[in-house]
Amino acid sequence: MIISVLKSKIHRATVTDAQIHYTGSITIDKTLI
């Protein structure tokens, strides 16, 4: 099994969406990615 993990910090970003039934789920603006 291959697991991809992203570890980073985006300073002062605004969360634009989240899935309440999925722990750790957030959405940020794609221009920040």
Protein backbone atom coordinates (compact mmCIF):
# COMPACT_ATOMS: atom_id res chain seq x y z
CA MET A 1 0.00 0.00 0.00
CA ILE A 2 1.28 3.48 -0.88
CA ILE A 3 0.29 6.35 1.43
CA SER A 4 0.90 9.95 0.39
CA VAL A 5 1.25 12.45 3.21
CA LEU A 6 1.44 16.21 2.93
CA LYS A 7 3.01 18.01 5.87
CA SER A 8 3.03 21.77 5.54
CA LYS A 9 1.81 24.98 7.12
CA ILE A 10 -0.02 27.71 5.24
CA HIS A 11 0.17 30.90 7.32
CA ARG A 12 -3.01 33.04 7.56
CA ALA A 13 -5.01 30.96 5.05
CA THR A 14 -8.80 31.03 5.04
CA VAL A 15 -10.65 27.72 5.16
CA THR A 16 -13.36 27.76 2.49
CA ASP A 17 -15.07 24.43 3.20
CA ALA A 18 -14.96 21.39 5.50
CA GLN A 19 -16.62 17.98 5.64
CA ILE A 20 -17.92 17.53 9.20
CA HIS A 21 -18.06 13.73 8.92
CA TYR A 22 -14.39 13.39 7.89
CA THR A 23 -11.76 14.18 10.52
CA GLY A 24 -9.14 16.62 9.28
CA SER A 25 -11.04 17.60 6.13
CA ILE A 26 -10.59 21.22 5.00
CA THR A 27 -10.69 23.04 1.68
CA ILE A 28 -8.54 26.04 0.83
CA ASP A 29 -8.32 28.24 -2.23
CA LYS A 30 -6.56 26.42 -5.08
CA THR A 31 -4.33 29.45 -5.76
CA LEU A 32 -2.60 28.75 -2.43
CA ILE A 33 -1.76 25.21 -3.46
